[in-house]
Amino acid sequence: MKNDDGVSTIAYQGVEGSYSSLAVAEYDPKAERIGYPTFDAVVAAVQNDEATHAFLPIENSTAGRVADLHHLLPKSGLTVIAEYFLPIRHALIALKGASLKDVKHVYSHREALSQCTNTLRALNIEPVPYGDTAKAVSFVSETGNEAYAALASTYAAELHDTVHIVQENLQDADDNVTRFLVLTKDPATKPLNGDCITSLVYDVLDKPAALYESLGSFAKHGVNIIKLES
């Protein structure tokens, strides 16, 4: 649905301060943002007309594809209408007064932790999976334990008075980027301008050379394939 001003409503996974919320704000500053706890809930929000668009991370340049979405999206009935790339810069966030030497455990979403594996190992900090990057900051803020830290955006730290940024740019790769997809029930809601990318999901027979033979059709018709996953 759209609000009374006709502004799009975009559903994303997470809460304010998460990387998804930052990406949505950059993609469409005028949109109304609504956070949901899971990817399934985001898709359901669009299916049930609670939101006009779903905004979901599909892959990261360091950690690879988000496997859960590759299983969810083909059955969702939604159409991809755009993509958005967000540079990801992870900050180590701890209680005010805590220093780097105090931090022993870091909480964050498993995808974020996987993007900082080497850095955390070098710092001798134990990674602990948590449901959401921004919620991990809230958790650290509430514990009062200087040995706990969160891995999240600097914006997530700004939302809490009791924490501070111990160190920035913990990601292993300087060019760490997450690719997001924008999906909707009605692809006609956004006109397609310029060159477009088409994504396909299809099955082939379980026999030798089945994939090879299917790809021949693309070559025959002059279609350039920029990425393939099997």
Foldseek 3Di string as FASTA:
>chain_A
DAPPVRAFEEEEEDDPQFVQNVQVCVVPVRYHYDYDNDPVVRLVCQVVVVGFKYKYWAAKPQQGGDVVVVVVPVPSLKDWQDKTKDFDKKFKKAFPPAALVLAAEEEAAPSLCSQQVVLCVVSNHHYDYDRHQLVSQVVRQPPPRSRYIYIGDQVSNVVDPGMDTRGIRSGPDNRIMIMMTMIGNDSVVDDDDDDDDDDDDDDFDPDPCRVVVVVVVCVVVVHDDPDDDD
